[in-house]
Amino acid sequence: MIGADDELGLRLIRDQRLICEVSDPSLTQPHLRRARWADEGGRGLFLVAQLTHRWGSQYTVAGKTIWTEQLLEEVA
């Protein structure tokens, strides 16, 4: 569980795609699940999976990073 004093990181990279990385000190492996209608949590990663081209996670020396990749359309 992430506490109020834990440091979180956010990095955005944009070229032909948008990459979003969120880092935290937790070593808990993220897992995709479907929340029931009355559940108050458990929808975040499901929404990420539905709205992005691909996503994944990797462990770092400081915890873990969850990343997403969204393809961008060219503007004429």
PDB file of N, CA and C in Angstrom:
ATOM      1  N   MET A   1       0.835  -1.170   0.000  1.00  0.00           N
ATOM      2  CA  MET A   1       0.000   0.000   0.000  1.00  0.00           C
ATOM      3  C   MET A   1       0.883   1.238   0.000  1.00  0.00           C
ATOM      4  N   ILE A   2       0.481   2.246  -0.746  1.00  0.00           N
ATOM      5  CA  ILE A   2       1.209   3.503  -0.843  1.00  0.00           C
ATOM      6  C   ILE A   2       0.731   4.428   0.266  1.00  0.00           C
ATOM      7  N   GLY A   3       1.662   5.021   0.982  1.00  0.00           N
ATOM      8  CA  GLY A   3       1.315   5.931   2.061  1.00  0.00           C
ATOM      9  C   GLY A   3       1.477   7.384   1.645  1.00  0.00           C
ATOM     10  N   ALA A   4       1.029   8.288   2.504  1.00  0.00           N
ATOM     11  CA  ALA A   4       1.070   9.720   2.202  1.00  0.00           C
ATOM     12  C   ALA A   4       2.497  10.233   2.048  1.00  0.00           C
ATOM     13  N   ASP A   5       3.460   9.600   2.691  1.00  0.00           N
ATOM     14  CA  ASP A   5       4.845  10.060   2.622  1.00  0.00           C
ATOM     15  C   ASP A   5       5.642   9.401   1.506  1.00  0.00           C
ATOM     16  N   ASP A   6       5.055   8.457   0.793  1.00  0.00           N
ATOM     17  CA  ASP A   6       5.758   7.785  -0.296  1.00  0.00           C
ATOM     18  C   ASP A   6       5.875   8.708  -1.499  1.00  0.00           C
ATOM     19  N   GLU A   7       7.007   8.605  -2.172  1.00  0.00           N
ATOM     20  CA  GLU A   7       7.248   9.430  -3.343  1.00  0.00           C
ATOM     21  C   GLU A   7       6.749   8.708  -4.595  1.00  0.00           C
ATOM     22  N   LEU A   8       5.999   9.429  -5.414  1.00  0.00           N
ATOM     23  CA  LEU A   8       5.508   8.907  -6.685  1.00  0.00           C
ATOM     24  C   LEU A   8       6.180   9.671  -7.810  1.00  0.00           C
ATOM     25  N   GLY A   9       6.337   9.031  -8.953  1.00  0.00           N
ATOM     26  CA  GLY A   9       6.928   9.693 -10.107  1.00  0.00           C
ATOM     27  C   GLY A   9       6.017   9.584 -11.310  1.00  0.00           C
ATOM     28  N   LEU A  10       6.050  10.604 -12.167  1.00  0.00           N
ATOM     29  CA  LEU A  10       5.281  10.613 -13.408  1.00  0.00           C
ATOM     30  C   LEU A  10       6.184  11.130 -14.511  1.00  0.00           C
ATOM     31  N   ARG A  11       6.216  10.413 -15.635  1.00  0.00           N
ATOM     32  CA  ARG A  11       6.995  10.849 -16.786  1.00  0.00           C
ATOM     33  C   ARG A  11       6.151  10.654 -18.031  1.00  0.00           C
ATOM     34  N   LEU A  12       6.105  11.681 -18.887  1.00  0.00           N
ATOM     35  CA  LEU A  12       5.386  11.617 -20.158  1.00  0.00           C
ATOM     36  C   LEU A  12       6.386  11.824 -21.284  1.00  0.00           C
ATOM     37  N   ILE A  13       6.308  10.979 -22.314  1.00  0.00           N
ATOM     38  CA  ILE A  13       7.170  11.075 -23.484  1.00  0.00           C
ATOM     39  C   ILE A  13       6.259  11.108 -24.701  1.00  0.00           C
ATOM     40  N   ARG A  14       6.466  12.093 -25.581  1.00  0.00           N
ATOM     41  CA  ARG A  14       5.586  12.222 -26.748  1.00  0.00           C
ATOM     42  C   ARG A  14       6.422  12.319 -28.016  1.00  0.00           C
ATOM     43  N   ASP A  15       6.152  11.446 -28.980  1.00  0.00           N
ATOM     44  CA  ASP A  15       6.648  11.551 -30.348  1.00  0.00           C
ATOM     45  C   ASP A  15       5.512  11.075 -31.247  1.00  0.00           C
ATOM     46  N   GLN A  16       5.630   9.953 -31.927  1.00  0.00           N
ATOM     47  CA  GLN A  16       4.497   9.410 -32.688  1.00  0.00           C
ATOM     48  C   GLN A  16       3.523   8.686 -31.770  1.00  0.00           C
ATOM     49  N   ARG A  17       3.876   8.592 -30.519  1.00  0.00           N
ATOM     50  CA  ARG A  17       3.044   7.941 -29.514  1.00  0.00           C
ATOM     51  C   ARG A  17       3.233   8.679 -28.191  1.00  0.00           C
ATOM     52  N   LEU A  18       2.333   8.449 -27.284  1.00  0.00           N
ATOM     53  CA  LEU A  18       2.428   9.024 -25.950  1.00  0.00           C
ATOM     54  C   LEU A  18       2.717   7.896 -24.972  1.00  0.00           C
ATOM     55  N   ILE A  19       3.798   8.016 -24.259  1.00  0.00           N
ATOM     56  CA  ILE A  19       4.155   7.041 -23.236  1.00  0.00           C
ATOM     57  C   ILE A  19       4.012   7.714 -21.879  1.00  0.00           C
ATOM     58  N   CYS A  20       3.294   7.077 -21.005  1.00  0.00           N
ATOM     59  CA  CYS A  20       3.083   7.578 -19.651  1.00  0.00           C
ATOM     60  C   CYS A  20       3.641   6.548 -18.682  1.00  0.00           C
ATOM     61  N   GLU A  21       4.513   6.997 -17.788  1.00  0.00           N
ATOM     62  CA  GLU A  21       5.098   6.114 -16.787  1.00  0.00           C
ATOM     63  C   GLU A  21       4.762   6.636 -15.394  1.00  0.00           C
ATOM     64  N   VAL A  22       4.275   5.769 -14.551  1.00  0.00           N
ATOM     65  CA  VAL A  22       3.996   6.108 -13.155  1.00  0.00           C
ATOM     66  C   VAL A  22       4.819   5.166 -12.289  1.00  0.00           C
ATOM     67  N   SER A  23       5.632   5.749 -11.419  1.00  0.00           N
ATOM     68  CA  SER A  23       6.524   4.961 -10.565  1.00  0.00           C
ATOM     69  C   SER A  23       6.148   5.140  -9.102  1.00  0.00           C
ATOM     70  N   ASP A  24       6.296   4.066  -8.338  1.00  0.00           N
ATOM     71  CA  ASP A  24       6.060   4.128  -6.898  1.00  0.00           C
ATOM     72  C   ASP A  24       6.981   3.126  -6.200  1.00  0.00           C
ATOM     73  N   PRO A  25       7.110   3.227  -4.882  1.00  0.00           N
ATOM     74  CA  PRO A  25       8.035   2.347  -4.164  1.00  0.00           C
ATOM     75  C   PRO A  25       7.495   0.943  -3.893  1.00  0.00           C
ATOM     76  N   SER A  26       6.272   0.666  -4.271  1.00  0.00           N
ATOM     77  CA  SER A  26       5.662  -0.635  -3.995  1.00  0.00           C
ATOM     78  C   SER A  26       6.279  -1.725  -4.865  1.00  0.00           C
ATOM     79  N   LEU A  27       6.437  -2.909  -4.304  1.00  0.00           N
ATOM     80  CA  LEU A  27       6.904  -4.066  -5.064  1.00  0.00           C
ATOM     81  C   LEU A  27       5.760  -5.007  -5.408  1.00  0.00           C
ATOM     82  N   THR A  28       4.532  -4.587  -5.159  1.00  0.00           N
ATOM     83  CA  THR A  28       3.355  -5.393  -5.468  1.00  0.00           C
ATOM     84  C   THR A  28       3.149  -5.440  -6.976  1.00  0.00           C
ATOM     85  N   GLN A  29       3.035  -6.631  -7.520  1.00  0.00           N
ATOM     86  CA  GLN A  29       2.814  -6.802  -8.959  1.00  0.00           C
ATOM     87  C   GLN A  29       1.400  -6.363  -9.320  1.00  0.00           C
ATOM     88  N   PRO A  30       1.249  -5.449 -10.289  1.00  0.00           N
ATOM     89  CA  PRO A  30      -0.095  -5.066 -10.710  1.00  0.00           C
ATOM     90  C   PRO A  30      -0.767  -6.218 -11.444  1.00  0.00           C
ATOM     91  N   HIS A  31      -2.064  -6.349 -11.289  1.00  0.00           N
ATOM     92  CA  HIS A  31      -2.788  -7.386 -12.020  1.00  0.00           C
ATOM     93  C   HIS A  31      -4.127  -6.830 -12.492  1.00  0.00           C
ATOM     94  N   LEU A  32      -4.474  -7.234 -13.680  1.00  0.00           N
ATOM     95  CA  LEU A  32      -5.713  -6.800 -14.315  1.00  0.00           C
ATOM     96  C   LEU A  32      -6.868  -7.615 -13.760  1.00  0.00           C
ATOM     97  N   ARG A  33      -7.907  -6.936 -13.328  1.00  0.00           N
ATOM     98  CA  ARG A  33      -9.095  -7.640 -12.843  1.00  0.00           C
ATOM     99  C   ARG A  33     -10.328  -6.848 -13.230  1.00  0.00           C
ATOM    100  N   ARG A  34     -11.446  -7.493 -13.172  1.00  0.00           N
ATOM    101  CA  ARG A  34     -12.721  -6.831 -13.450  1.00  0.00           C
ATOM    102  C   ARG A  34     -13.443  -6.624 -12.127  1.00  0.00           C
ATOM    103  N   ALA A  35     -13.647  -5.370 -11.794  1.00  0.00           N
ATOM    104  CA  ALA A  35     -14.330  -5.048 -10.542  1.00  0.00           C
ATOM    105  C   ALA A  35     -15.818  -5.337 -10.686  1.00  0.00           C
ATOM    106  N   ARG A  36     -16.413  -5.759  -9.590  1.00  0.00           N
ATOM    107  CA  ARG A  36     -17.864  -5.930  -9.575  1.00  0.00           C
ATOM    108  C   ARG A  36     -18.523  -4.560  -9.507  1.00  0.00           C
ATOM    109  N   TRP A  37     -19.798  -4.507  -9.833  1.00  0.00           N
ATOM    110  CA  TRP A  37     -20.525  -3.247  -9.917  1.00  0.00           C
ATOM    111  C   TRP A  37     -20.394  -2.418  -8.643  1.00  0.00           C
ATOM    112  N   ALA A  38     -20.501  -3.024  -7.480  1.00  0.00           N
ATOM    113  CA  ALA A  38     -20.506  -2.287  -6.212  1.00  0.00           C
ATOM    114  C   ALA A  38     -19.105  -2.061  -5.629  1.00  0.00           C
ATOM    115  N   ASP A  39     -18.059  -2.604  -6.252  1.00  0.00           N
ATOM    116  CA  ASP A  39     -16.703  -2.413  -5.737  1.00  0.00           C
ATOM    117  C   ASP A  39     -16.300  -0.946  -5.825  1.00  0.00           C
ATOM    118  N   GLU A  40     -15.589  -0.474  -4.803  1.00  0.00           N
ATOM    119  CA  GLU A  40     -15.131   0.910  -4.796  1.00  0.00           C
ATOM    120  C   GLU A  40     -13.782   1.081  -5.484  1.00  0.00           C
ATOM    121  N   GLY A  41     -13.087   0.017  -5.747  1.00  0.00           N
ATOM    122  CA  GLY A  41     -11.789   0.090  -6.399  1.00  0.00           C
ATOM    123  C   GLY A  41     -11.628  -1.045  -7.393  1.00  0.00           C
ATOM    124  N   GLY A  42     -10.443  -1.099  -8.007  1.00  0.00           N
ATOM    125  CA  GLY A  42     -10.141  -2.200  -8.905  1.00  0.00           C
ATOM    126  C   GLY A  42     -10.431  -1.940 -10.367  1.00  0.00           C
ATOM    127  N   ARG A  43     -10.676  -0.687 -10.736  1.00  0.00           N
ATOM    128  CA  ARG A  43     -10.993  -0.378 -12.133  1.00  0.00           C
ATOM    129  C   ARG A  43      -9.853   0.300 -12.884  1.00  0.00           C
ATOM    130  N   GLY A  44      -8.865   0.794 -12.171  1.00  0.00           N
ATOM    131  CA  GLY A  44      -7.812   1.598 -12.791  1.00  0.00           C
ATOM    132  C   GLY A  44      -7.064   0.893 -13.902  1.00  0.00           C
ATOM    133  N   LEU A  45      -6.494  -0.246 -13.623  1.00  0.00           N
ATOM    134  CA  LEU A  45      -5.714  -0.958 -14.624  1.00  0.00           C
ATOM    135  C   LEU A  45      -6.597  -1.497 -15.745  1.00  0.00           C
ATOM    136  N   PHE A  46      -7.842  -1.850 -15.436  1.00  0.00           N
ATOM    137  CA  PHE A  46      -8.783  -2.273 -16.473  1.00  0.00           C
ATOM    138  C   PHE A  46      -9.024  -1.127 -17.459  1.00  0.00           C
ATOM    139  N   LEU A  47      -9.223   0.089 -16.939  1.00  0.00           N
ATOM    140  CA  LEU A  47      -9.420   1.252 -17.814  1.00  0.00           C
ATOM    141  C   LEU A  47      -8.175   1.531 -18.642  1.00  0.00           C
ATOM    142  N   VAL A  48      -7.013   1.436 -18.030  1.00  0.00           N
ATOM    143  CA  VAL A  48      -5.759   1.630 -18.754  1.00  0.00           C
ATOM    144  C   VAL A  48      -5.663   0.641 -19.907  1.00  0.00           C
ATOM    145  N   ALA A  49      -5.961  -0.617 -19.663  1.00  0.00           N
ATOM    146  CA  ALA A  49      -5.884  -1.649 -20.699  1.00  0.00           C
ATOM    147  C   ALA A  49      -6.870  -1.392 -21.838  1.00  0.00           C
ATOM    148  N   GLN A  50      -8.030  -0.841 -21.529  1.00  0.00           N
ATOM    149  CA  GLN A  50      -9.043  -0.582 -22.549  1.00  0.00           C
ATOM    150  C   GLN A  50      -8.732   0.657 -23.380  1.00  0.00           C
ATOM    151  N   LEU A  51      -8.043   1.636 -22.799  1.00  0.00           N
ATOM    152  CA  LEU A  51      -7.857   2.930 -23.454  1.00  0.00           C
ATOM    153  C   LEU A  51      -6.491   3.123 -24.091  1.00  0.00           C
ATOM    154  N   THR A  52      -5.571   2.193 -23.904  1.00  0.00           N
ATOM    155  CA  THR A  52      -4.232   2.350 -24.459  1.00  0.00           C
ATOM    156  C   THR A  52      -3.919   1.245 -25.464  1.00  0.00           C
ATOM    157  N   HIS A  53      -2.900   1.503 -26.259  1.00  0.00           N
ATOM    158  CA  HIS A  53      -2.450   0.524 -27.256  1.00  0.00           C
ATOM    159  C   HIS A  53      -1.826  -0.689 -26.559  1.00  0.00           C
ATOM    160  N   ARG A  54      -0.990  -0.418 -25.561  1.00  0.00           N
ATOM    161  CA  ARG A  54      -0.399  -1.489 -24.761  1.00  0.00           C
ATOM    162  C   ARG A  54       0.089  -0.909 -23.440  1.00  0.00           C
ATOM    163  N   TRP A  55       0.351  -1.795 -22.490  1.00  0.00           N
ATOM    164  CA  TRP A  55       0.826  -1.373 -21.173  1.00  0.00           C
ATOM    165  C   TRP A  55       1.657  -2.490 -20.560  1.00  0.00           C
ATOM    166  N   GLY A  56       2.400  -2.149 -19.536  1.00  0.00           N
ATOM    167  CA  GLY A  56       3.203  -3.148 -18.854  1.00  0.00           C
ATOM    168  C   GLY A  56       3.787  -2.577 -17.574  1.00  0.00           C
ATOM    169  N   SER A  57       4.608  -3.366 -16.926  1.00  0.00           N
ATOM    170  CA  SER A  57       5.256  -2.908 -15.696  1.00  0.00           C
ATOM    171  C   SER A  57       6.665  -3.458 -15.641  1.00  0.00           C
ATOM    172  N   GLN A  58       7.504  -2.776 -14.900  1.00  0.00           N
ATOM    173  CA  GLN A  58       8.865  -3.246 -14.689  1.00  0.00           C
ATOM    174  C   GLN A  58       9.306  -2.831 -13.296  1.00  0.00           C
ATOM    175  N   TYR A  59      10.134  -3.665 -12.698  1.00  0.00           N
ATOM    176  CA  TYR A  59      10.668  -3.356 -11.380  1.00  0.00           C
ATOM    177  C   TYR A  59      11.928  -2.523 -11.525  1.00  0.00           C
ATOM    178  N   THR A  60      12.130  -1.620 -10.579  1.00  0.00           N
ATOM    179  CA  THR A  60      13.318  -0.777 -10.536  1.00  0.00           C
ATOM    180  C   THR A  60      13.966  -0.939  -9.160  1.00  0.00           C
ATOM    181  N   VAL A  61      15.111  -0.321  -8.961  1.00  0.00           N
ATOM    182  CA  VAL A  61      15.759  -0.390  -7.650  1.00  0.00           C
ATOM    183  C   VAL A  61      14.943   0.347  -6.594  1.00  0.00           C
ATOM    184  N   ALA A  62      14.061   1.246  -7.034  1.00  0.00           N
ATOM    185  CA  ALA A  62      13.259   2.042  -6.095  1.00  0.00           C
ATOM    186  C   ALA A  62      11.817   1.563  -5.978  1.00  0.00           C
ATOM    187  N   GLY A  63      11.443   0.473  -6.663  1.00  0.00           N
ATOM    188  CA  GLY A  63      10.054  -0.010  -6.611  1.00  0.00           C
ATOM    189  C   GLY A  63       9.622  -0.564  -7.951  1.00  0.00           C
ATOM    190  N   LYS A  64       8.580   0.037  -8.525  1.00  0.00           N
ATOM    191  CA  LYS A  64       8.114  -0.423  -9.837  1.00  0.00           C
ATOM    192  C   LYS A  64       7.616   0.758 -10.657  1.00  0.00           C
ATOM    193  N   THR A  65       7.558   0.555 -11.964  1.00  0.00           N
ATOM    194  CA  THR A  65       7.019   1.534 -12.900  1.00  0.00           C
ATOM    195  C   THR A  65       5.987   0.837 -13.760  1.00  0.00           C
ATOM    196  N   ILE A  66       4.815   1.427 -13.854  1.00  0.00           N
ATOM    197  CA  ILE A  66       3.781   0.962 -14.776  1.00  0.00           C
ATOM    198  C   ILE A  66       3.773   1.941 -15.939  1.00  0.00           C
ATOM    199  N   TRP A  67       3.833   1.424 -17.168  1.00  0.00           N
ATOM    200  CA  TRP A  67       3.880   2.286 -18.338  1.00  0.00           C
ATOM    201  C   TRP A  67       2.724   1.969 -19.278  1.00  0.00           C
ATOM    202  N   THR A  68       2.331   2.979 -20.034  1.00  0.00           N
ATOM    203  CA  THR A  68       1.309   2.806 -21.061  1.00  0.00           C
ATOM    204  C   THR A  68       1.808   3.436 -22.351  1.00  0.00           C
ATOM    205  N   GLU A  69       1.299   2.953 -23.461  1.00  0.00           N
ATOM    206  CA  GLU A  69       1.641   3.512 -24.763  1.00  0.00           C
ATOM    207  C   GLU A  69       0.353   3.758 -25.529  1.00  0.00           C
ATOM    208  N   GLN A  70       0.196   4.978 -26.002  1.00  0.00           N
ATOM    209  CA  GLN A  70      -0.976   5.359 -26.783  1.00  0.00           C
ATOM    210  C   GLN A  70      -0.502   5.891 -28.124  1.00  0.00           C
ATOM    211  N   LEU A  71      -0.972   5.303 -29.215  1.00  0.00           N
ATOM    212  CA  LEU A  71      -0.611   5.790 -30.538  1.00  0.00           C
ATOM    213  C   LEU A  71      -1.308   7.121 -30.787  1.00  0.00           C
ATOM    214  N   LEU A  72      -0.586   8.058 -31.416  1.00  0.00           N
ATOM    215  CA  LEU A  72      -1.135   9.378 -31.707  1.00  0.00           C
ATOM    216  C   LEU A  72      -1.391   9.499 -33.200  1.00  0.00           C
ATOM    217  N   GLU A  73      -2.490  10.133 -33.542  1.00  0.00           N
ATOM    218  CA  GLU A  73      -2.801  10.372 -34.947  1.00  0.00           C
ATOM    219  C   GLU A  73      -2.075  11.626 -35.410  1.00  0.00           C
ATOM    220  N   GLU A  74      -1.628  11.600 -36.660  1.00  0.00           N
ATOM    221  CA  GLU A  74      -0.984  12.786 -37.218  1.00  0.00           C
ATOM    222  C   GLU A  74      -2.030  13.845 -37.507  1.00  0.00           C
ATOM    223  N   VAL A  75      -1.682  15.088 -37.193  1.00  0.00           N
ATOM    224  CA  VAL A  75      -2.569  16.217 -37.471  1.00  0.00           C
ATOM    225  C   VAL A  75      -2.140  16.828 -38.791  1.00  0.00           C
ATOM    226  N   ALA A  76      -3.098  16.976 -39.712  1.00  0.00           N
ATOM    227  CA  ALA A  76      -2.774  17.510 -41.042  1.00  0.00           C
ATOM    228  C   ALA A  76      -2.588  19.005 -41.011  1.00  0.00           C
TER     229      ALA A  76
END
